[in-house]
Amino acid sequence: MVNLNANVGSILPKINVDFPGMPKVGGGQQKSGFADTIKAAEKYISEVDDLQQLSNASIKDLLSGKSEDIASVVSAVAKADMSFKLLVGVRNKLIEAYKQTMSMPL
């Protein structure tokens, strides 16, 4: 993967994209169920929600005068925005894959 901007990695949340049940690149497939995958997705959604809440809190602190560091507010908002866009992109890919699967002939 080509990293066009080295700073982009610093604003994205540190999420381990290793889904349970998916085959590893260098090894065999792990045994796990669909419930484990749902729990992992729930964890990632919770992390995105936490970033959104942190972003909202930092904006409120800036507006109320508790904080004067606008750079940290911009950073928190950028992290929340990028993580949400990533989440929406994954959702769109899952929906597209579902539609393709449903249109397959039996």
C-alpha atoms as a PDB file:
ATOM      1  CA  MET A   1       0.000   0.000   0.000  1.00  0.00           C
ATOM      2  CA  VAL A   2       1.339   3.417  -0.907  1.00  0.00           C
ATOM      3  CA  ASN A   3       1.200   5.990   1.868  1.00  0.00           C
ATOM      4  CA  LEU A   4       0.834   9.349   0.149  1.00  0.00           C
ATOM      5  CA  ASN A   5       0.727  11.300   3.396  1.00  0.00           C
ATOM      6  CA  ALA A   6       2.632  10.019   6.404  1.00  0.00           C
ATOM      7  CA  ASN A   7       0.535  12.221   8.722  1.00  0.00           C
ATOM      8  CA  VAL A   8      -2.736  10.461   7.826  1.00  0.00           C
ATOM      9  CA  GLY A   9      -1.742   7.433   9.903  1.00  0.00           C
ATOM     10  CA  SER A  10      -1.390   9.627  12.966  1.00  0.00           C
ATOM     11  CA  ILE A  11      -4.985  10.905  12.835  1.00  0.00           C
ATOM     12  CA  LEU A  12      -6.652   7.549  12.258  1.00  0.00           C
ATOM     13  CA  PRO A  13      -7.635   5.503  15.305  1.00  0.00           C
ATOM     14  CA  LYS A  14      -5.380   2.601  16.180  1.00  0.00           C
ATOM     15  CA  ILE A  15      -7.750  -0.202  15.208  1.00  0.00           C
ATOM     16  CA  ASN A  16      -6.580  -3.753  14.698  1.00  0.00           C
ATOM     17  CA  VAL A  17      -8.220  -4.801  11.441  1.00  0.00           C
ATOM     18  CA  ASP A  18      -7.703  -8.515  12.138  1.00  0.00           C
ATOM     19  CA  PHE A  19     -11.247  -9.895  12.097  1.00  0.00           C
ATOM     20  CA  PRO A  20     -11.843 -13.187  13.909  1.00  0.00           C
ATOM     21  CA  GLY A  21     -12.511 -16.101  11.594  1.00  0.00           C
ATOM     22  CA  MET A  22     -10.738 -14.573   8.624  1.00  0.00           C
ATOM     23  CA  PRO A  23      -7.722 -16.458   7.264  1.00  0.00           C
ATOM     24  CA  LYS A  24      -4.321 -15.044   8.097  1.00  0.00           C
ATOM     25  CA  VAL A  25      -1.921 -14.207   5.295  1.00  0.00           C
ATOM     26  CA  GLY A  26       0.835 -16.482   6.541  1.00  0.00           C
ATOM     27  CA  GLY A  27      -1.122 -19.138   8.415  1.00  0.00           C
ATOM     28  CA  GLY A  28      -4.172 -21.315   8.643  1.00  0.00           C
ATOM     29  CA  GLN A  29      -7.753 -20.307   9.299  1.00  0.00           C
ATOM     30  CA  GLN A  30      -8.915 -19.843  12.883  1.00  0.00           C
ATOM     31  CA  LYS A  31     -12.130 -21.434  14.094  1.00  0.00           C
ATOM     32  CA  SER A  32     -14.643 -18.850  15.259  1.00  0.00           C
ATOM     33  CA  GLY A  33     -18.241 -18.044  14.715  1.00  0.00           C
ATOM     34  CA  PHE A  34     -20.296 -15.249  13.298  1.00  0.00           C
ATOM     35  CA  ALA A  35     -21.005 -14.019  16.843  1.00  0.00           C
ATOM     36  CA  ASP A  36     -17.298 -13.286  17.351  1.00  0.00           C
ATOM     37  CA  THR A  37     -17.247 -11.233  14.168  1.00  0.00           C
ATOM     38  CA  ILE A  38     -20.280  -9.263  15.331  1.00  0.00           C
ATOM     39  CA  LYS A  39     -18.612  -8.606  18.700  1.00  0.00           C
ATOM     40  CA  ALA A  40     -15.491  -7.337  16.922  1.00  0.00           C
ATOM     41  CA  ALA A  41     -17.589  -5.049  14.704  1.00  0.00           C
ATOM     42  CA  GLU A  42     -19.413  -3.782  17.800  1.00  0.00           C
ATOM     43  CA  LYS A  43     -16.043  -2.948  19.371  1.00  0.00           C
ATOM     44  CA  TYR A  44     -14.935  -0.974  16.301  1.00  0.00           C
ATOM     45  CA  ILE A  45     -18.231   0.925  16.163  1.00  0.00           C
ATOM     46  CA  SER A  46     -17.847   1.708  19.858  1.00  0.00           C
ATOM     47  CA  GLU A  47     -14.361   3.103  19.219  1.00  0.00           C
ATOM     48  CA  VAL A  48     -15.709   5.355  16.464  1.00  0.00           C
ATOM     49  CA  ASP A  49     -18.461   6.524  18.815  1.00  0.00           C
ATOM     50  CA  ASP A  50     -15.887   7.267  21.517  1.00  0.00           C
ATOM     51  CA  LEU A  51     -13.925   9.422  19.063  1.00  0.00           C
ATOM     52  CA  GLN A  52     -17.125  11.282  18.146  1.00  0.00           C
ATOM     53  CA  GLN A  53     -17.896  11.915  21.830  1.00  0.00           C
ATOM     54  CA  LEU A  54     -14.330  13.115  22.460  1.00  0.00           C
ATOM     55  CA  SER A  55     -14.612  15.444  19.490  1.00  0.00           C
ATOM     56  CA  ASN A  56     -17.882  16.891  20.771  1.00  0.00           C
ATOM     57  CA  ALA A  57     -16.425  17.377  24.250  1.00  0.00           C
ATOM     58  CA  SER A  58     -13.357  19.170  22.898  1.00  0.00           C
ATOM     59  CA  ILE A  59     -15.560  21.501  20.816  1.00  0.00           C
ATOM     60  CA  LYS A  60     -17.698  22.295  23.878  1.00  0.00           C
ATOM     61  CA  ASP A  61     -14.572  22.961  25.955  1.00  0.00           C
ATOM     62  CA  LEU A  62     -13.252  25.346  23.302  1.00  0.00           C
ATOM     63  CA  LEU A  63     -16.555  27.208  23.053  1.00  0.00           C
ATOM     64  CA  SER A  64     -16.965  27.470  26.821  1.00  0.00           C
ATOM     65  CA  GLY A  65     -13.419  28.764  27.301  1.00  0.00           C
ATOM     66  CA  LYS A  66     -12.112  25.779  29.277  1.00  0.00           C
ATOM     67  CA  SER A  67      -9.540  25.131  26.566  1.00  0.00           C
ATOM     68  CA  GLU A  68      -7.768  27.522  24.230  1.00  0.00           C
ATOM     69  CA  ASP A  69      -5.810  24.941  22.222  1.00  0.00           C
ATOM     70  CA  ILE A  70      -7.522  24.973  18.854  1.00  0.00           C
ATOM     71  CA  ALA A  71      -5.002  22.534  17.380  1.00  0.00           C
ATOM     72  CA  SER A  72      -6.131  19.729  19.698  1.00  0.00           C
ATOM     73  CA  VAL A  73      -9.768  20.446  18.805  1.00  0.00           C
ATOM     74  CA  VAL A  74      -9.021  20.305  15.090  1.00  0.00           C
ATOM     75  CA  SER A  75      -7.067  17.085  15.628  1.00  0.00           C
ATOM     76  CA  ALA A  76      -9.929  15.473  17.582  1.00  0.00           C
ATOM     77  CA  VAL A  77     -12.464  16.487  14.934  1.00  0.00           C
ATOM     78  CA  ALA A  78     -10.219  15.169  12.139  1.00  0.00           C
ATOM     79  CA  LYS A  79      -9.776  11.825  13.927  1.00  0.00           C
ATOM     80  CA  ALA A  80     -13.526  11.494  14.421  1.00  0.00           C
ATOM     81  CA  ASP A  81     -14.211  12.457  10.805  1.00  0.00           C
ATOM     82  CA  MET A  82     -11.690  10.033   9.323  1.00  0.00           C
ATOM     83  CA  SER A  83     -12.817   7.147  11.512  1.00  0.00           C
ATOM     84  CA  PHE A  84     -16.469   7.767  10.624  1.00  0.00           C
ATOM     85  CA  LYS A  85     -15.659   7.925   6.901  1.00  0.00           C
ATOM     86  CA  LEU A  86     -13.753   4.662   7.210  1.00  0.00           C
ATOM     87  CA  LEU A  87     -16.682   3.040   9.012  1.00  0.00           C
ATOM     88  CA  VAL A  88     -19.152   4.234   6.358  1.00  0.00           C
ATOM     89  CA  GLY A  89     -16.836   2.975   3.605  1.00  0.00           C
ATOM     90  CA  VAL A  90     -16.678  -0.486   5.180  1.00  0.00           C
ATOM     91  CA  ARG A  91     -20.462  -0.507   5.566  1.00  0.00           C
ATOM     92  CA  ASN A  92     -20.916   0.426   1.909  1.00  0.00           C
ATOM     93  CA  LYS A  93     -18.566  -2.355   0.805  1.00  0.00           C
ATOM     94  CA  LEU A  94     -20.462  -4.872   2.954  1.00  0.00           C
ATOM     95  CA  ILE A  95     -23.786  -3.780   1.472  1.00  0.00           C
ATOM     96  CA  GLU A  96     -22.353  -4.017  -2.042  1.00  0.00           C
ATOM     97  CA  ALA A  97     -21.024  -7.520  -1.337  1.00  0.00           C
ATOM     98  CA  TYR A  98     -24.416  -8.548   0.083  1.00  0.00           C
ATOM     99  CA  LYS A  99     -26.208  -7.276  -3.023  1.00  0.00           C
ATOM    100  CA  GLN A 100     -23.803  -9.124  -5.302  1.00  0.00           C
ATOM    101  CA  THR A 101     -24.252 -12.301  -3.288  1.00  0.00           C
ATOM    102  CA  MET A 102     -28.042 -12.029  -3.423  1.00  0.00           C
ATOM    103  CA  SER A 103     -28.005 -11.531  -7.200  1.00  0.00           C
ATOM    104  CA  MET A 104     -25.955 -14.699  -7.821  1.00  0.00           C
ATOM    105  CA  PRO A 105     -27.850 -17.452  -9.587  1.00  0.00           C
ATOM    106  CA  LEU A 106     -28.236 -20.702  -7.704  1.00  0.00           C
END
